[in-house]
Amino acid sequence: MVKRLKDEERPVPTPSQGPFNASPLPPLESSLQFLNRQRNRRLDVARLRRLTTEALTRLGVRQWNLTFCFVGARTMASLNETHLGHPGPTDVLTFDYTEGEARNGKRETIHAKPETRNPKPGILIGEIFICVPVAVAQAGEFGTPWREEVLRYILHGCLHLCGYDDLTPAARRVMKRREDQLLRALQSPHRKGR
């Protein structure tokens, strides 16, 4: 799920953050931050950084400033209740902080017909919270390695930031198909930099 912050929820810029009338946004140096706030599993952050960078490049993203927070079930349940009003933990929550000029006016929500859409995300700014215990449980249910499930959640969050949604069965199929394509490409033994 993606939550877009309302204007009143956004932090007010301070002079130290640059001029108040700056437009368009100044060039952004791409950054990925991985915060492990859970103790269930050990994460290979270098691998996740490499694969996430490759996925973003494959998605056509030019610049990004993304933070991935890996949390436990209790923290995720609290976030899910606070931001979406749903009880219990969920797999991934995405918070999109990209606005205005950074979007280049070209990004739109991708529904059932991807061939009619041409999202050019340009710049992505956001936070993606991933619940590792849910990933471990889902991996057991689907018979996949838990690390692959965590990577799938990273891709899922990135796709939300690129405009994909999963609110309808048709949109969910489109998004899942794109996740699967990316996952296969990232795991291919023939890809560069493996």
N, C-alpha and C. Protein backbone atom coordinates (compact mmCIF):
# COMPACT_ATOMS: atom_id res chain seq x y z
N MET A 1 0.83 -1.18 0.00
CA MET A 1 0.00 0.00 0.00
C MET A 1 0.88 1.24 0.00
N VAL A 2 0.44 2.26 -0.69
CA VAL A 2 1.15 3.53 -0.74
C VAL A 2 0.34 4.55 0.02
N LYS A 3 1.00 5.30 0.85
CA LYS A 3 0.32 6.40 1.54
C LYS A 3 0.99 7.69 1.09
N ARG A 4 0.21 8.57 0.54
CA ARG A 4 0.72 9.89 0.17
C ARG A 4 0.39 10.84 1.31
N LEU A 5 1.39 11.57 1.75
CA LEU A 5 1.19 12.49 2.86
C LEU A 5 0.43 13.72 2.39
N LYS A 6 -0.52 14.17 3.20
CA LYS A 6 -1.23 15.41 2.93
C LYS A 6 -0.28 16.56 3.23
N ASP A 7 -0.57 17.72 2.65
CA ASP A 7 0.31 18.87 2.84
C ASP A 7 0.54 19.18 4.31
N GLU A 8 -0.51 19.05 5.13
CA GLU A 8 -0.34 19.39 6.55
C GLU A 8 0.52 18.36 7.28
N GLU A 9 0.73 17.18 6.69
CA GLU A 9 1.56 16.16 7.32
C GLU A 9 3.04 16.28 6.92
N ARG A 10 3.30 17.04 5.87
CA ARG A 10 4.67 17.17 5.39
C ARG A 10 5.45 18.12 6.29
N PRO A 11 6.73 17.83 6.51
CA PRO A 11 7.52 18.74 7.32
C PRO A 11 7.70 20.08 6.62
N VAL A 12 7.72 21.15 7.38
CA VAL A 12 7.93 22.48 6.84
C VAL A 12 9.42 22.66 6.60
N PRO A 13 9.83 23.09 5.39
CA PRO A 13 11.25 23.27 5.14
C PRO A 13 11.84 24.36 6.02
N THR A 14 13.08 24.19 6.37
CA THR A 14 13.79 25.20 7.15
C THR A 14 14.85 25.81 6.25
N PRO A 15 15.36 26.99 6.61
CA PRO A 15 16.38 27.62 5.78
C PRO A 15 17.59 26.72 5.52
N SER A 16 17.91 25.86 6.45
CA SER A 16 19.08 25.00 6.26
C SER A 16 18.85 23.97 5.15
N GLN A 17 17.60 23.78 4.75
CA GLN A 17 17.30 22.82 3.69
C GLN A 17 17.34 23.48 2.32
N GLY A 18 17.73 24.71 2.24
CA GLY A 18 17.84 25.36 0.95
C GLY A 18 16.85 26.50 0.83
N PRO A 19 16.88 27.21 -0.29
CA PRO A 19 16.00 28.35 -0.48
C PRO A 19 14.53 27.92 -0.49
N PHE A 20 13.68 28.78 0.05
CA PHE A 20 12.26 28.45 0.13
C PHE A 20 11.59 28.45 -1.23
N ASN A 21 12.10 29.21 -2.17
CA ASN A 21 11.44 29.31 -3.46
C ASN A 21 12.16 28.51 -4.54
N ALA A 22 12.94 27.54 -4.15
CA ALA A 22 13.67 26.73 -5.13
C ALA A 22 12.71 25.90 -5.96
N SER A 23 12.79 26.06 -7.28
CA SER A 23 11.97 25.27 -8.19
C SER A 23 12.65 25.29 -9.54
N PRO A 24 12.82 24.20 -10.19
CA PRO A 24 12.52 22.85 -9.75
C PRO A 24 13.49 22.39 -8.67
N LEU A 25 13.26 21.17 -8.19
CA LEU A 25 14.12 20.63 -7.14
C LEU A 25 15.56 20.57 -7.60
N PRO A 26 16.51 20.83 -6.72
CA PRO A 26 17.91 20.72 -7.10
C PRO A 26 18.25 19.27 -7.41
N PRO A 27 19.31 19.05 -8.20
CA PRO A 27 19.69 17.67 -8.51
C PRO A 27 19.89 16.87 -7.23
N LEU A 28 19.44 15.66 -7.28
CA LEU A 28 19.49 14.78 -6.12
C LEU A 28 20.51 13.69 -6.39
N GLU A 29 21.40 13.49 -5.46
CA GLU A 29 22.33 12.39 -5.59
C GLU A 29 21.61 11.14 -5.09
N SER A 30 21.63 10.10 -5.89
CA SER A 30 20.90 8.88 -5.51
C SER A 30 21.47 8.28 -4.24
N SER A 31 20.55 7.84 -3.37
CA SER A 31 21.00 7.16 -2.16
C SER A 31 19.99 6.09 -1.76
N LEU A 32 20.53 5.02 -1.23
CA LEU A 32 19.72 3.94 -0.67
C LEU A 32 20.18 3.75 0.75
N GLN A 33 19.23 3.72 1.66
CA GLN A 33 19.56 3.48 3.06
C GLN A 33 18.79 2.24 3.51
N PHE A 34 19.49 1.33 4.17
CA PHE A 34 18.88 0.11 4.68
C PHE A 34 19.02 0.11 6.19
N LEU A 35 17.88 0.13 6.88
CA LEU A 35 17.88 0.15 8.34
C LEU A 35 17.27 -1.15 8.84
N ASN A 36 18.08 -1.95 9.52
CA ASN A 36 17.60 -3.22 10.04
C ASN A 36 17.16 -3.03 11.48
N ARG A 37 15.84 -2.98 11.70
CA ARG A 37 15.27 -2.74 13.03
C ARG A 37 14.60 -4.00 13.58
N GLN A 38 15.03 -5.15 13.11
CA GLN A 38 14.48 -6.41 13.58
C GLN A 38 15.62 -7.37 13.89
N ARG A 39 15.31 -8.41 14.64
CA ARG A 39 16.35 -9.36 15.04
C ARG A 39 16.02 -10.78 14.61
N ASN A 40 15.00 -10.95 13.80
CA ASN A 40 14.59 -12.29 13.38
C ASN A 40 15.61 -12.94 12.44
N ARG A 41 16.11 -12.16 11.50
CA ARG A 41 17.01 -12.69 10.48
C ARG A 41 18.12 -11.68 10.20
N ARG A 42 19.25 -12.21 9.81
CA ARG A 42 20.38 -11.39 9.40
C ARG A 42 20.23 -11.05 7.92
N LEU A 43 20.44 -9.80 7.58
CA LEU A 43 20.27 -9.35 6.20
C LEU A 43 21.61 -9.08 5.55
N ASP A 44 21.73 -9.44 4.29
CA ASP A 44 22.93 -9.14 3.50
C ASP A 44 22.68 -7.80 2.81
N VAL A 45 23.01 -6.72 3.50
CA VAL A 45 22.70 -5.38 3.02
C VAL A 45 23.44 -5.06 1.72
N ALA A 46 24.67 -5.50 1.57
CA ALA A 46 25.42 -5.23 0.34
C ALA A 46 24.70 -5.85 -0.86
N ARG A 47 24.23 -7.07 -0.71
CA ARG A 47 23.49 -7.75 -1.79
C ARG A 47 22.18 -7.01 -2.08
N LEU A 48 21.45 -6.65 -1.04
CA LEU A 48 20.18 -5.94 -1.24
C LEU A 48 20.40 -4.60 -1.93
N ARG A 49 21.46 -3.89 -1.56
CA ARG A 49 21.77 -2.60 -2.18
C ARG A 49 22.07 -2.80 -3.68
N ARG A 50 22.88 -3.80 -3.99
CA ARG A 50 23.25 -4.07 -5.38
C ARG A 50 22.01 -4.43 -6.22
N LEU A 51 21.18 -5.32 -5.69
CA LEU A 51 20.00 -5.76 -6.43
C LEU A 51 18.96 -4.65 -6.55
N THR A 52 18.80 -3.86 -5.52
CA THR A 52 17.85 -2.75 -5.56
C THR A 52 18.29 -1.71 -6.58
N THR A 53 19.57 -1.40 -6.60
CA THR A 53 20.10 -0.45 -7.58
C THR A 53 19.85 -0.95 -9.00
N GLU A 54 20.10 -2.23 -9.22
CA GLU A 54 19.87 -2.80 -10.55
C GLU A 54 18.38 -2.75 -10.91
N ALA A 55 17.52 -3.07 -9.96
CA ALA A 55 16.08 -3.04 -10.22
C ALA A 55 15.61 -1.63 -10.57
N LEU A 56 16.06 -0.64 -9.82
CA LEU A 56 15.67 0.75 -10.10
C LEU A 56 16.14 1.18 -11.48
N THR A 57 17.34 0.76 -11.84
CA THR A 57 17.86 1.07 -13.17
C THR A 57 17.00 0.41 -14.25
N ARG A 58 16.65 -0.85 -14.04
CA ARG A 58 15.79 -1.56 -14.99
C ARG A 58 14.41 -0.90 -15.12
N LEU A 59 13.95 -0.28 -14.04
CA LEU A 59 12.66 0.41 -14.06
C LEU A 59 12.74 1.79 -14.70
N GLY A 60 13.93 2.22 -15.07
CA GLY A 60 14.09 3.51 -15.72
C GLY A 60 14.16 4.70 -14.77
N VAL A 61 14.38 4.44 -13.51
CA VAL A 61 14.47 5.52 -12.53
C VAL A 61 15.85 6.17 -12.67
N ARG A 62 15.88 7.50 -12.77
CA ARG A 62 17.14 8.21 -12.94
C ARG A 62 17.82 8.52 -11.61
N GLN A 63 17.04 8.91 -10.62
CA GLN A 63 17.59 9.25 -9.31
C GLN A 63 16.64 8.77 -8.24
N TRP A 64 17.21 8.46 -7.09
CA TRP A 64 16.38 7.99 -5.99
C TRP A 64 17.00 8.34 -4.65
N ASN A 65 16.13 8.52 -3.70
CA ASN A 65 16.51 8.71 -2.30
C ASN A 65 15.51 7.86 -1.51
N LEU A 66 15.91 6.63 -1.25
CA LEU A 66 15.01 5.66 -0.65
C LEU A 66 15.58 5.09 0.64
N THR A 67 14.71 4.91 1.61
CA THR A 67 15.08 4.26 2.86
C THR A 67 14.23 3.01 3.01
N PHE A 68 14.89 1.89 3.24
CA PHE A 68 14.22 0.61 3.48
C PHE A 68 14.39 0.29 4.96
N CYS A 69 13.27 0.16 5.66
CA CYS A 69 13.29 -0.17 7.09
C CYS A 69 12.77 -1.59 7.27
N PHE A 70 13.62 -2.45 7.78
CA PHE A 70 13.24 -3.85 8.02
C PHE A 70 12.84 -3.95 9.48
N VAL A 71 11.57 -4.31 9.72
CA VAL A 71 11.02 -4.27 11.06
C VAL A 71 10.40 -5.60 11.45
N GLY A 72 10.11 -5.72 12.75
CA GLY A 72 9.44 -6.89 13.28
C GLY A 72 7.93 -6.75 13.16
N ALA A 73 7.22 -7.80 13.56
CA ALA A 73 5.76 -7.85 13.42
C ALA A 73 5.06 -6.78 14.27
N ARG A 74 5.53 -6.55 15.47
CA ARG A 74 4.88 -5.58 16.35
C ARG A 74 4.98 -4.16 15.77
N THR A 75 6.17 -3.80 15.30
CA THR A 75 6.35 -2.47 14.70
C THR A 75 5.49 -2.32 13.45
N MET A 76 5.48 -3.35 12.61
CA MET A 76 4.68 -3.28 11.38
C MET A 76 3.20 -3.20 11.69
N ALA A 77 2.73 -3.93 12.70
CA ALA A 77 1.31 -3.86 13.07
C ALA A 77 0.95 -2.44 13.51
N SER A 78 1.83 -1.80 14.25
CA SER A 78 1.60 -0.43 14.70
C SER A 78 1.53 0.52 13.51
N LEU A 79 2.47 0.39 12.57
CA LEU A 79 2.48 1.24 11.37
C LEU A 79 1.22 1.01 10.54
N ASN A 80 0.84 -0.23 10.39
CA ASN A 80 -0.33 -0.59 9.59
C ASN A 80 -1.60 0.00 10.20
N GLU A 81 -1.72 -0.08 11.50
CA GLU A 81 -2.89 0.47 12.20
C GLU A 81 -2.90 2.00 12.11
N THR A 82 -1.75 2.61 12.35
CA THR A 82 -1.65 4.07 12.36
C THR A 82 -1.92 4.68 10.99
N HIS A 83 -1.33 4.12 9.95
CA HIS A 83 -1.38 4.76 8.63
C HIS A 83 -2.47 4.24 7.71
N LEU A 84 -2.88 2.99 7.88
CA LEU A 84 -3.91 2.45 7.00
C LEU A 84 -5.18 2.03 7.74
N GLY A 85 -5.11 2.03 9.08
CA GLY A 85 -6.28 1.64 9.85
C GLY A 85 -6.56 0.15 9.82
N HIS A 86 -5.56 -0.66 9.45
CA HIS A 86 -5.72 -2.11 9.40
C HIS A 86 -5.04 -2.75 10.60
N PRO A 87 -5.70 -3.70 11.25
CA PRO A 87 -5.06 -4.37 12.39
C PRO A 87 -4.03 -5.40 11.93
N GLY A 88 -3.03 -5.61 12.75
CA GLY A 88 -2.03 -6.65 12.50
C GLY A 88 -0.95 -6.23 11.54
N PRO A 89 0.09 -7.06 11.43
CA PRO A 89 1.19 -6.72 10.53
C PRO A 89 0.82 -6.98 9.07
N THR A 90 1.52 -6.33 8.18
CA THR A 90 1.40 -6.57 6.75
C THR A 90 2.80 -6.79 6.22
N ASP A 91 2.93 -7.14 4.96
CA ASP A 91 4.24 -7.45 4.40
C ASP A 91 5.08 -6.21 4.12
N VAL A 92 4.50 -5.22 3.46
CA VAL A 92 5.26 -4.03 3.07
C VAL A 92 4.36 -2.80 3.07
N LEU A 93 4.89 -1.69 3.55
CA LEU A 93 4.21 -0.40 3.49
C LEU A 93 5.14 0.58 2.79
N THR A 94 4.59 1.33 1.85
CA THR A 94 5.38 2.27 1.07
C THR A 94 4.87 3.69 1.30
N PHE A 95 5.79 4.60 1.59
CA PHE A 95 5.45 6.00 1.79
C PHE A 95 6.17 6.80 0.70
N ASP A 96 5.38 7.46 -0.14
CA ASP A 96 5.90 8.20 -1.28
C ASP A 96 6.04 9.67 -0.90
N TYR A 97 7.27 10.18 -0.92
CA TYR A 97 7.51 11.59 -0.59
C TYR A 97 7.85 12.41 -1.83
N THR A 98 7.78 11.80 -3.00
CA THR A 98 8.07 12.51 -4.24
C THR A 98 6.91 13.44 -4.53
N GLU A 99 7.22 14.64 -4.95
CA GLU A 99 6.14 15.58 -5.26
C GLU A 99 6.52 16.50 -6.40
N GLY A 100 5.52 17.10 -6.99
CA GLY A 100 5.66 18.16 -7.97
C GLY A 100 6.68 17.92 -9.07
N GLU A 101 7.66 18.80 -9.14
CA GLU A 101 8.65 18.79 -10.20
C GLU A 101 9.42 17.47 -10.28
N ALA A 102 9.63 16.83 -9.16
CA ALA A 102 10.40 15.58 -9.17
C ALA A 102 9.67 14.51 -9.96
N ARG A 103 8.37 14.58 -10.01
CA ARG A 103 7.60 13.59 -10.76
C ARG A 103 7.66 13.84 -12.27
N ASN A 104 8.08 15.02 -12.68
CA ASN A 104 8.11 15.39 -14.09
C ASN A 104 6.74 15.31 -14.75
N GLY A 105 5.70 15.21 -13.95
CA GLY A 105 4.35 15.14 -14.49
C GLY A 105 4.10 13.91 -15.34
N LYS A 106 5.01 12.96 -15.35
CA LYS A 106 4.88 11.81 -16.24
C LYS A 106 4.47 10.54 -15.52
N ARG A 107 4.53 10.55 -14.21
CA ARG A 107 4.22 9.32 -13.50
C ARG A 107 2.73 9.26 -13.22
N GLU A 108 2.16 8.11 -13.41
CA GLU A 108 0.75 7.93 -13.14
C GLU A 108 0.54 6.53 -12.58
N THR A 109 -0.60 6.32 -11.99
CA THR A 109 -0.88 5.00 -11.46
C THR A 109 -1.09 4.02 -12.60
N ILE A 110 -0.50 2.86 -12.47
CA ILE A 110 -0.59 1.84 -13.50
C ILE A 110 -1.67 0.86 -13.10
N HIS A 111 -2.67 0.73 -13.93
CA HIS A 111 -3.77 -0.16 -13.62
C HIS A 111 -3.65 -1.43 -14.47
N ALA A 112 -4.69 -1.85 -15.09
CA ALA A 112 -4.73 -3.17 -15.73
C ALA A 112 -4.03 -3.24 -17.08
N LYS A 113 -3.82 -2.13 -17.75
CA LYS A 113 -3.26 -2.20 -19.10
C LYS A 113 -1.92 -1.49 -19.18
N PRO A 114 -0.83 -2.17 -18.79
CA PRO A 114 0.47 -1.50 -18.79
C PRO A 114 0.91 -1.07 -20.17
N GLU A 115 0.44 -1.74 -21.22
CA GLU A 115 0.88 -1.37 -22.57
C GLU A 115 0.37 0.01 -22.97
N THR A 116 -0.65 0.53 -22.28
CA THR A 116 -1.17 1.85 -22.60
C THR A 116 -0.55 2.93 -21.71
N ARG A 117 0.31 2.54 -20.80
CA ARG A 117 0.93 3.49 -19.89
C ARG A 117 2.43 3.54 -20.18
N ASN A 118 3.03 4.66 -19.91
CA ASN A 118 4.47 4.77 -20.07
C ASN A 118 5.03 5.55 -18.90
N PRO A 119 5.09 4.92 -17.72
CA PRO A 119 5.59 5.67 -16.56
C PRO A 119 7.08 5.94 -16.68
N LYS A 120 7.46 7.16 -16.48
CA LYS A 120 8.87 7.54 -16.44
C LYS A 120 9.08 8.16 -15.08
N PRO A 121 9.37 7.34 -14.08
CA PRO A 121 9.38 7.85 -12.72
C PRO A 121 10.39 8.96 -12.46
N GLY A 122 11.48 9.02 -13.22
CA GLY A 122 12.45 10.08 -13.01
C GLY A 122 13.12 10.02 -11.66
N ILE A 123 12.49 10.62 -10.67
CA ILE A 123 13.05 10.68 -9.32
C ILE A 123 12.08 10.02 -8.36
N LEU A 124 12.60 9.15 -7.51
CA LEU A 124 11.79 8.53 -6.47
C LEU A 124 12.34 8.92 -5.11
N ILE A 125 11.44 9.35 -4.23
CA ILE A 125 11.81 9.66 -2.85
C ILE A 125 10.78 8.98 -1.96
N GLY A 126 11.25 8.14 -1.06
CA GLY A 126 10.28 7.47 -0.21
C GLY A 126 10.90 6.56 0.83
N GLU A 127 10.02 6.00 1.65
CA GLU A 127 10.40 5.02 2.65
C GLU A 127 9.58 3.76 2.41
N ILE A 128 10.23 2.62 2.55
CA ILE A 128 9.56 1.34 2.39
C ILE A 128 9.84 0.52 3.64
N PHE A 129 8.77 0.15 4.34
CA PHE A 129 8.89 -0.67 5.55
C PHE A 129 8.57 -2.11 5.18
N ILE A 130 9.46 -3.01 5.56
CA ILE A 130 9.32 -4.43 5.24
C ILE A 130 9.31 -5.23 6.53
N CYS A 131 8.31 -6.09 6.67
CA CYS A 131 8.18 -6.92 7.87
C CYS A 131 8.86 -8.26 7.61
N VAL A 132 10.02 -8.46 8.19
CA VAL A 132 10.80 -9.68 7.97
C VAL A 132 10.07 -10.92 8.47
N PRO A 133 9.44 -10.92 9.66
CA PRO A 133 8.71 -12.12 10.08
C PRO A 133 7.59 -12.52 9.10
N VAL A 134 6.92 -11.56 8.51
CA VAL A 134 5.90 -11.88 7.50
C VAL A 134 6.57 -12.49 6.28
N ALA A 135 7.72 -11.95 5.87
CA ALA A 135 8.44 -12.51 4.73
C ALA A 135 8.84 -13.95 4.99
N VAL A 136 9.32 -14.22 6.19
CA VAL A 136 9.73 -15.59 6.56
C VAL A 136 8.52 -16.52 6.51
N ALA A 137 7.39 -16.08 7.07
CA ALA A 137 6.18 -16.91 7.08
C ALA A 137 5.67 -17.15 5.66
N GLN A 138 5.64 -16.10 4.84
CA GLN A 138 5.18 -16.25 3.46
C GLN A 138 6.11 -17.14 2.65
N ALA A 139 7.39 -17.01 2.88
CA ALA A 139 8.36 -17.86 2.17
C ALA A 139 8.09 -19.33 2.50
N GLY A 140 7.82 -19.62 3.77
CA GLY A 140 7.50 -20.99 4.16
C GLY A 140 6.24 -21.48 3.49
N GLU A 141 5.25 -20.61 3.40
CA GLU A 141 3.97 -20.97 2.78
C GLU A 141 4.13 -21.24 1.28
N PHE A 142 4.96 -20.43 0.60
CA PHE A 142 5.12 -20.56 -0.84
C PHE A 142 6.30 -21.44 -1.24
N GLY A 143 7.07 -21.91 -0.27
CA GLY A 143 8.21 -22.77 -0.57
C GLY A 143 9.35 -22.04 -1.27
N THR A 144 9.55 -20.77 -0.91
CA THR A 144 10.65 -19.99 -1.49
C THR A 144 11.59 -19.58 -0.37
N PRO A 145 12.83 -19.25 -0.70
CA PRO A 145 13.76 -18.76 0.33
C PRO A 145 13.27 -17.42 0.89
N TRP A 146 13.44 -17.22 2.18
CA TRP A 146 12.97 -15.98 2.80
C TRP A 146 13.68 -14.76 2.23
N ARG A 147 14.94 -14.92 1.83
CA ARG A 147 15.68 -13.78 1.26
C ARG A 147 15.04 -13.33 -0.07
N GLU A 148 14.54 -14.30 -0.83
CA GLU A 148 13.86 -13.97 -2.08
C GLU A 148 12.56 -13.23 -1.79
N GLU A 149 11.87 -13.62 -0.74
CA GLU A 149 10.62 -12.95 -0.36
C GLU A 149 10.90 -11.51 0.07
N VAL A 150 11.98 -11.29 0.82
CA VAL A 150 12.36 -9.93 1.20
C VAL A 150 12.67 -9.10 -0.05
N LEU A 151 13.40 -9.68 -1.00
CA LEU A 151 13.70 -8.97 -2.24
C LEU A 151 12.40 -8.66 -2.99
N ARG A 152 11.47 -9.59 -3.01
CA ARG A 152 10.18 -9.35 -3.66
C ARG A 152 9.48 -8.14 -3.01
N TYR A 153 9.54 -8.02 -1.70
CA TYR A 153 8.91 -6.90 -1.01
C TYR A 153 9.60 -5.58 -1.36
N ILE A 154 10.92 -5.62 -1.51
CA ILE A 154 11.65 -4.42 -1.95
C ILE A 154 11.15 -4.00 -3.33
N LEU A 155 11.06 -4.97 -4.25
CA LEU A 155 10.59 -4.68 -5.60
C LEU A 155 9.15 -4.17 -5.57
N HIS A 156 8.32 -4.78 -4.74
CA HIS A 156 6.92 -4.37 -4.61
C HIS A 156 6.83 -2.90 -4.19
N GLY A 157 7.61 -2.52 -3.19
CA GLY A 157 7.62 -1.14 -2.74
C GLY A 157 8.10 -0.19 -3.82
N CYS A 158 9.15 -0.57 -4.53
CA CYS A 158 9.67 0.26 -5.62
C CYS A 158 8.63 0.42 -6.73
N LEU A 159 7.92 -0.66 -7.04
CA LEU A 159 6.87 -0.57 -8.06
C LEU A 159 5.75 0.37 -7.63
N HIS A 160 5.38 0.33 -6.35
CA HIS A 160 4.39 1.29 -5.86
C HIS A 160 4.88 2.72 -6.09
N LEU A 161 6.14 2.98 -5.79
CA LEU A 161 6.68 4.33 -5.98
C LEU A 161 6.72 4.72 -7.45
N CYS A 162 6.80 3.74 -8.34
CA CYS A 162 6.80 4.00 -9.78
C CYS A 162 5.38 4.15 -10.34
N GLY A 163 4.37 3.97 -9.50
CA GLY A 163 3.00 4.20 -9.95
C GLY A 163 2.13 2.96 -10.04
N TYR A 164 2.67 1.79 -9.82
CA TYR A 164 1.86 0.58 -9.86
C TYR A 164 0.99 0.52 -8.61
N ASP A 165 -0.22 -0.06 -8.76
CA ASP A 165 -1.03 -0.29 -7.57
C ASP A 165 -1.57 -1.72 -7.59
N ASP A 166 -2.09 -2.13 -6.46
CA ASP A 166 -2.62 -3.49 -6.35
C ASP A 166 -4.00 -3.47 -5.70
N LEU A 167 -4.78 -2.46 -6.04
CA LEU A 167 -6.08 -2.26 -5.40
C LEU A 167 -7.19 -3.08 -6.05
N THR A 168 -6.98 -3.52 -7.27
CA THR A 168 -7.98 -4.36 -7.94
C THR A 168 -7.30 -5.65 -8.38
N PRO A 169 -8.07 -6.70 -8.63
CA PRO A 169 -7.46 -7.95 -9.09
C PRO A 169 -6.63 -7.78 -10.37
N ALA A 170 -7.14 -7.00 -11.32
CA ALA A 170 -6.41 -6.79 -12.58
C ALA A 170 -5.09 -6.05 -12.34
N ALA A 171 -5.14 -4.99 -11.54
CA ALA A 171 -3.93 -4.23 -11.24
C ALA A 171 -2.94 -5.08 -10.46
N ARG A 172 -3.46 -5.90 -9.56
CA ARG A 172 -2.61 -6.80 -8.77
C ARG A 172 -1.86 -7.78 -9.68
N ARG A 173 -2.57 -8.30 -10.70
CA ARG A 173 -1.92 -9.23 -11.65
C ARG A 173 -0.81 -8.54 -12.42
N VAL A 174 -1.07 -7.32 -12.87
CA VAL A 174 -0.07 -6.55 -13.61
C VAL A 174 1.16 -6.33 -12.74
N MET A 175 0.93 -5.93 -11.50
CA MET A 175 2.04 -5.64 -10.59
C MET A 175 2.82 -6.92 -10.27
N LYS A 176 2.12 -8.00 -10.02
CA LYS A 176 2.76 -9.29 -9.71
C LYS A 176 3.60 -9.77 -10.89
N ARG A 177 3.07 -9.61 -12.09
CA ARG A 177 3.80 -10.01 -13.30
C ARG A 177 5.11 -9.22 -13.41
N ARG A 178 5.05 -7.91 -13.14
CA ARG A 178 6.26 -7.07 -13.21
C ARG A 178 7.24 -7.45 -12.11
N GLU A 179 6.75 -7.73 -10.91
CA GLU A 179 7.61 -8.22 -9.82
C GLU A 179 8.33 -9.49 -10.24
N ASP A 180 7.57 -10.43 -10.81
CA ASP A 180 8.15 -11.70 -11.23
C ASP A 180 9.22 -11.49 -12.30
N GLN A 181 8.95 -10.60 -13.26
CA GLN A 181 9.94 -10.31 -14.31
C GLN A 181 11.22 -9.76 -13.71
N LEU A 182 11.09 -8.81 -12.81
CA LEU A 182 12.27 -8.22 -12.18
C LEU A 182 13.02 -9.25 -11.35
N LEU A 183 12.30 -10.05 -10.59
CA LEU A 183 12.93 -11.07 -9.76
C LEU A 183 13.73 -12.05 -10.61
N ARG A 184 13.13 -12.48 -11.72
CA ARG A 184 13.84 -13.41 -12.63
C ARG A 184 15.09 -12.75 -13.21
N ALA A 185 14.96 -11.50 -13.63
CA ALA A 185 16.10 -10.79 -14.22
C ALA A 185 17.23 -10.62 -13.21
N LEU A 186 16.87 -10.33 -11.96
CA LEU A 186 17.89 -10.12 -10.93
C LEU A 186 18.55 -11.42 -10.50
N GLN A 187 17.87 -12.53 -10.68
CA GLN A 187 18.42 -13.82 -10.27
C GLN A 187 19.03 -14.60 -11.41
N SER A 188 18.97 -14.06 -12.62
CA SER A 188 19.52 -14.75 -13.79
C SER A 188 21.03 -14.93 -13.64
N PRO A 189 21.54 -16.14 -13.92
CA PRO A 189 22.98 -16.35 -13.82
C PRO A 189 23.76 -15.63 -14.91
N HIS A 190 23.06 -15.13 -15.93
CA HIS A 190 23.74 -14.48 -17.05
C HIS A 190 23.79 -12.97 -16.93
N ARG A 191 23.21 -12.42 -15.87
CA ARG A 191 23.23 -10.96 -15.76
C ARG A 191 24.61 -10.48 -15.35
N LYS A 192 24.91 -9.25 -15.70
CA LYS A 192 26.21 -8.67 -15.37
C LYS A 192 26.29 -8.33 -13.90
N GLY A 193 27.48 -8.37 -13.35
CA GLY A 193 27.72 -7.93 -11.98
C GLY A 193 27.27 -8.90 -10.92
N ARG A 194 27.00 -10.12 -11.32
CA ARG A 194 26.53 -11.09 -10.33
C ARG A 194 27.64 -11.57 -9.44
